[in-house]
């Protein structure tokens, strides 16, 4: 009997297959470019080609995954809850979690291995992966180059990350003042860190160790640096999971408090 955790977010599909001992057998991380259903079907076909007709328990999470779960009557788990379960299992020393997604951001606070508060922003791209993509386009570059530029920065400037229009104006003003692109790039990542912490951590202090997850924090070192600088912590105070993009999908595989439904 295999368990499948399927996380369909705003920009990517993540899937994890585990066996009865909760050992990971298969993973997938793929951008869906608004064709999430096609990507999911192709991944499931890949699993079938590898293992044949097998009994599985399938659980779905993610912002787009909710619609899929409702349409096809699969069990659904909220993504922050799923990620929290994965952290409690594999990273029990984490005191805080910061997850930057394509169009949302999440913060979870832990005490003695138990989640004490879960925070998630609304349907706004401010301070998220989509925001970073938009700002890279404004600078005429891509994420890889934006990261490279930011890591060479010597100064950051205030940028409004809550609204793309205001941010574009701020960036254009910095360009007009001949501010180096390196500093503008770093300021973009700094704005994401400020937006996330100020919006989601009010009333709580983000304590170390801090676990970073989600695609942007996993793949963009300059974004991680922006968070560590703003929080006043060091690299030794962060946890960067090996499969940081897959935590909700993995957590969904072993959550038991939903209806158990077997599929072939």
Foldseek 3Di string as FASTA:
>chain_A
DKEKFWADEPFWIWMFIADPVLDTDDIDIGTCVPPVVVVVVVVVVVVCVVPNDDKYQYEYEYPVRVVVCVVVVHHYDYLQVLLLLLCLVPPQVFQKEWEAEQQKIKIFGDDNSHTPDIWIDDRGNQLHNVLLQLVCVLVVHGQVVLLVLQVPDDEEDAAARRDSVRRSVVLVVCVVVVPDSSRNSLNSLLNSLCCCCVVTQPPHQRFFLYEYAYDCVQPRVSNVVSNCVVSVHDPVRYDYDPPRNCSSRSSRRPDDPDDGDMDD
